Amino acid sequence: VQPHRHFSTEEIIIATNCYDGNRIVVYDGGYRLYKDSLKDRPIFVKKYDSNYPLGLKYYAYKDIVIGSQMSGYKNVLKVLGCCLETQNPSVVYEFACKSLSRSLSATNVKPVLPWKCSIMLDHNNVPKLIDFGLGISLPQGQAHVEDAVIGRIGLSAPEYVTTGYLTEKADVYLFGMLLLELLGGRKLTIVERNILDTDEKHCVEIFSSFVDPRM
């Protein structure tokens, strides 16, 4: 893993203009992602909320570690560094033009299952994954890992919600959901997701009515 820079609290405050709310591009409940610049270089700064549960701080540090390890991949948003001087850590990323989708994974990079990632697009519309706090390592030779179910019902693979077993197939499920949303130009409703998960008879009907006619 290439070394990453440590940013001071002062640098983060200057870059975000004292965490200016107008610069927020993603608000995921547990953190805010700011579009900023540092020494005329456009960047993203992810600031975990001050009320982020103490027991979940582990996921914030895990996000930094896994994100740094995977920064060399073409489709992963590069981690430039972090700030550990604040109550909760802040992460500094390279810049991407916009957010494509939240809480959906578009790829599986072994041995980590990044099953709940956000997708950003760079200036060439190349997708970049971000948010690896909930990523889980899949031990070599094992088909699944057992984990506490974390995520939104309807966005998580049904077998994972039912059993707590996370496999590579969970990524395939989420990739399918992402493709549907791209084809429809909107997010699936909970009702539509439930029908797709449980009612094979009406899947074609839902799919046909959901896809944007312009496609």
Protein backbone atom coordinates (compact mmCIF):
# COMPACT_ATOMS: atom_id res chain seq x y z
CA VAL A 1 0.00 0.00 0.00
CA GLN A 2 1.45 3.37 -0.97
CA PRO A 3 1.87 5.87 1.88
CA HIS A 4 -0.91 8.43 2.32
CA ARG A 5 -0.73 11.90 3.70
CA HIS A 6 -1.91 12.98 7.13
CA PHE A 7 -3.98 16.17 7.01
CA SER A 8 -4.29 18.51 9.97
CA THR A 9 -7.59 19.74 11.37
CA GLU A 10 -6.75 23.25 10.17
CA GLU A 11 -6.21 22.03 6.60
CA ILE A 12 -9.56 20.22 6.60
CA ILE A 13 -11.40 23.27 7.98
CA ILE A 14 -9.83 25.54 5.35
CA ALA A 15 -10.55 23.08 2.54
CA THR A 16 -14.22 22.70 3.53
CA ASN A 17 -14.67 26.39 4.37
CA CYS A 18 -15.62 25.43 7.94
CA TYR A 19 -17.75 22.53 6.67
CA ASP A 20 -19.90 24.71 4.43
CA GLY A 21 -23.24 22.95 3.93
CA ASN A 22 -23.44 24.21 0.35
CA ARG A 23 -20.47 22.01 -0.51
CA ILE A 24 -22.10 18.73 0.54
CA VAL A 25 -22.54 16.36 -2.41
CA VAL A 26 -23.49 13.19 -0.50
CA TYR A 27 -25.23 12.86 2.87
CA ASP A 28 -25.52 9.22 3.84
CA GLY A 29 -26.81 9.51 7.38
CA GLY A 30 -23.48 8.60 8.99
CA TYR A 31 -21.26 11.01 7.10
CA ARG A 32 -21.15 14.01 4.78
CA LEU A 33 -19.05 14.16 1.62
CA TYR A 34 -17.82 17.67 0.75
CA LYS A 35 -16.62 18.93 -2.62
CA ASP A 36 -13.57 21.02 -1.80
CA SER A 37 -10.18 22.17 -3.01
CA LEU A 38 -6.76 22.16 -1.40
CA LYS A 39 -3.97 24.25 -2.91
CA ASP A 40 -6.11 24.64 -6.05
CA ARG A 41 -6.56 20.87 -6.36
CA PRO A 42 -10.19 19.66 -6.31
CA ILE A 43 -10.80 16.99 -3.68
CA PHE A 44 -13.52 15.26 -1.67
CA VAL A 45 -13.54 15.30 2.12
CA LYS A 46 -15.63 12.74 3.98
CA LYS A 47 -16.54 13.84 7.50
CA TYR A 48 -18.18 11.31 9.79
CA ASP A 49 -20.90 12.85 11.93
CA SER A 50 -19.97 13.85 15.47
CA ASN A 51 -22.89 11.77 16.77
CA TYR A 52 -21.68 8.70 14.88
CA PRO A 53 -22.21 5.82 17.37
CA LEU A 54 -19.06 4.99 19.31
CA GLY A 55 -19.43 1.29 18.54
CA LEU A 56 -19.50 2.05 14.81
CA LYS A 57 -16.27 4.08 14.75
CA TYR A 58 -14.65 0.79 13.84
CA TYR A 59 -16.30 1.03 10.42
CA ALA A 60 -14.88 4.51 9.85
CA TYR A 61 -11.32 3.33 10.42
CA LYS A 62 -12.03 0.21 8.39
CA ASP A 63 -13.18 2.46 5.54
CA ILE A 64 -9.80 4.26 5.60
CA VAL A 65 -7.76 1.04 5.72
CA ILE A 66 -9.62 -0.88 3.00
CA GLY A 67 -10.05 2.21 0.83
CA SER A 68 -6.30 2.85 1.02
CA GLN A 69 -5.47 -0.76 0.19
CA MET A 70 -7.73 -0.67 -2.85
CA SER A 71 -6.79 2.79 -4.11
CA GLY A 72 -4.63 1.27 -6.83
CA TYR A 73 -7.64 -0.23 -8.61
CA LYS A 74 -8.97 1.64 -11.63
CA ASN A 75 -12.56 1.69 -10.38
CA VAL A 76 -11.89 2.74 -6.79
CA LEU A 77 -11.82 6.40 -5.75
CA LYS A 78 -8.27 7.06 -4.61
CA VAL A 79 -7.66 7.89 -0.95
CA LEU A 80 -5.19 10.77 -0.68
CA GLY A 81 -4.99 10.77 3.10
CA CYS A 82 -6.91 11.28 6.32
CA CYS A 83 -7.21 13.43 9.42
CA LEU A 84 -7.20 11.64 12.77
CA GLU A 85 -7.11 14.76 14.95
CA THR A 86 -10.90 15.21 14.98
CA GLN A 87 -13.39 13.37 17.17
CA ASN A 88 -14.21 11.12 14.23
CA PRO A 89 -11.73 10.55 11.39
CA SER A 90 -12.02 12.44 8.11
CA VAL A 91 -10.95 10.98 4.75
CA VAL A 92 -9.57 12.95 1.79
CA TYR A 93 -10.19 11.55 -1.71
CA GLU A 94 -9.34 12.46 -5.26
CA PHE A 95 -12.09 14.38 -7.01
CA ALA A 96 -14.90 12.83 -9.06
CA CYS A 97 -17.54 14.79 -10.95
CA LYS A 98 -20.72 13.40 -9.46
CA SER A 99 -22.46 10.68 -7.49
CA LEU A 100 -24.19 8.01 -9.57
CA SER A 101 -25.82 5.92 -6.88
CA ARG A 102 -25.76 5.23 -3.18
CA SER A 103 -25.65 1.92 -1.34
CA LEU A 104 -25.14 -0.19 -4.45
CA SER A 105 -22.06 -2.13 -5.42
CA ALA A 106 -20.90 -2.31 -9.03
CA THR A 107 -18.01 -4.71 -8.78
CA ASN A 108 -16.36 -7.30 -6.59
CA VAL A 109 -12.64 -6.96 -5.95
CA LYS A 110 -11.32 -10.00 -4.10
CA PRO A 111 -10.85 -10.65 -1.28
CA VAL A 112 -13.17 -7.86 -0.14
CA LEU A 113 -16.91 -7.86 -0.69
CA PRO A 114 -17.73 -4.14 -1.04
CA TRP A 115 -21.43 -4.86 -0.83
CA LYS A 116 -22.60 -1.42 0.28
CA CYS A 117 -20.63 1.15 -1.69
CA SER A 118 -21.42 4.44 -3.33
CA ILE A 119 -20.52 5.03 -6.96
CA MET A 120 -18.95 8.23 -8.20
CA LEU A 121 -18.21 9.22 -11.79
CA ASP A 122 -14.99 10.96 -12.84
CA HIS A 123 -14.74 13.50 -15.66
CA ASN A 124 -14.57 10.64 -18.19
CA ASN A 125 -17.68 8.98 -16.68
CA VAL A 126 -15.55 6.14 -15.30
CA PRO A 127 -17.29 4.69 -12.21
CA LYS A 128 -15.34 4.86 -8.95
CA LEU A 129 -16.33 2.99 -5.79
CA ILE A 130 -16.20 4.69 -2.41
CA ASP A 131 -17.29 3.65 1.14
CA PHE A 132 -15.64 0.43 2.27
CA GLY A 133 -16.53 0.67 5.95
CA LEU A 134 -18.89 -2.29 5.62
CA GLY A 135 -16.57 -4.25 3.33
CA ILE A 136 -15.92 -7.80 4.49
CA SER A 137 -12.92 -9.99 3.67
CA LEU A 138 -13.78 -13.35 2.16
CA PRO A 139 -11.19 -15.89 3.40
CA GLN A 140 -9.55 -17.91 0.66
CA GLY A 141 -11.30 -21.20 0.09
CA GLN A 142 -14.53 -20.11 1.78
CA ALA A 143 -17.78 -19.52 -0.11
CA HIS A 144 -19.31 -17.15 2.45
CA VAL A 145 -18.82 -15.23 5.67
CA GLU A 146 -21.41 -14.89 8.41
CA ASP A 147 -22.07 -11.37 9.58
CA ALA A 148 -24.68 -9.29 11.38
CA VAL A 149 -27.21 -8.07 8.84
CA ILE A 150 -26.49 -4.40 8.14
CA GLY A 151 -28.23 -2.48 5.38
CA ARG A 152 -31.60 -1.50 4.09
CA ILE A 153 -34.23 -4.12 3.40
CA GLY A 154 -34.82 -4.17 -0.32
CA LEU A 155 -31.24 -3.16 -1.10
CA SER A 156 -29.68 -6.25 0.42
CA ALA A 157 -29.74 -9.70 -1.19
CA PRO A 158 -32.70 -11.70 0.24
CA GLU A 159 -30.57 -14.70 1.21
CA TYR A 160 -28.22 -12.41 3.16
CA VAL A 161 -31.12 -10.84 5.07
CA THR A 162 -32.53 -14.30 5.82
CA THR A 163 -29.35 -16.19 6.79
CA GLY A 164 -26.70 -13.56 7.54
CA TYR A 165 -24.42 -15.36 5.06
CA LEU A 166 -22.63 -12.93 2.75
CA THR A 167 -21.29 -14.30 -0.55
CA GLU A 168 -20.11 -12.92 -3.87
CA LYS A 169 -23.67 -13.47 -5.09
CA ALA A 170 -24.80 -10.54 -2.93
CA ASP A 171 -22.76 -8.27 -5.19
CA VAL A 172 -24.42 -9.82 -8.25
CA TYR A 173 -27.84 -9.05 -6.75
CA LEU A 174 -26.91 -5.41 -6.06
CA PHE A 175 -25.38 -5.06 -9.52
CA GLY A 176 -28.70 -6.25 -10.96
CA MET A 177 -30.55 -3.63 -8.92
CA LEU A 178 -28.17 -0.97 -10.18
CA LEU A 179 -28.75 -2.01 -13.81
CA LEU A 180 -32.52 -1.82 -13.28
CA GLU A 181 -32.25 1.70 -11.87
CA LEU A 182 -30.09 2.74 -14.81
CA LEU A 183 -32.65 1.30 -17.25
CA GLY A 184 -35.56 2.92 -15.44
CA GLY A 185 -33.95 6.25 -14.65
CA ARG A 186 -35.25 6.10 -11.09
CA LYS A 187 -34.99 4.08 -7.90
CA LEU A 188 -37.02 0.94 -7.37
CA THR A 189 -39.76 1.22 -4.77
CA ILE A 190 -39.85 -1.17 -1.83
CA VAL A 191 -42.95 -2.82 -3.32
CA GLU A 192 -41.22 -3.35 -6.68
CA ARG A 193 -38.15 -4.83 -4.97
CA ASN A 194 -40.29 -7.21 -2.93
CA ILE A 195 -42.11 -8.43 -6.05
CA LEU A 196 -38.82 -8.99 -7.86
CA ASP A 197 -37.51 -10.94 -4.86
CA THR A 198 -40.55 -13.11 -4.19
CA ASP A 199 -42.90 -13.21 -7.18
CA GLU A 200 -41.30 -14.72 -10.29
CA LYS A 201 -44.65 -14.71 -12.07
CA HIS A 202 -44.85 -10.92 -12.12
CA CYS A 203 -41.13 -10.14 -12.60
CA VAL A 204 -41.46 -9.65 -16.37
CA GLU A 205 -44.48 -7.39 -15.87
CA ILE A 206 -42.64 -5.22 -13.33
CA PHE A 207 -39.53 -5.10 -15.50
CA SER A 208 -41.47 -4.11 -18.63
CA SER A 209 -43.33 -1.29 -16.87
CA PHE A 210 -40.23 -0.06 -15.03
CA VAL A 211 -37.83 0.37 -17.96
CA ASP A 212 -37.76 3.89 -19.39
CA PRO A 213 -39.42 3.75 -22.87
CA ARG A 214 -36.63 5.94 -24.23
CA MET A 215 -34.26 3.03 -23.63
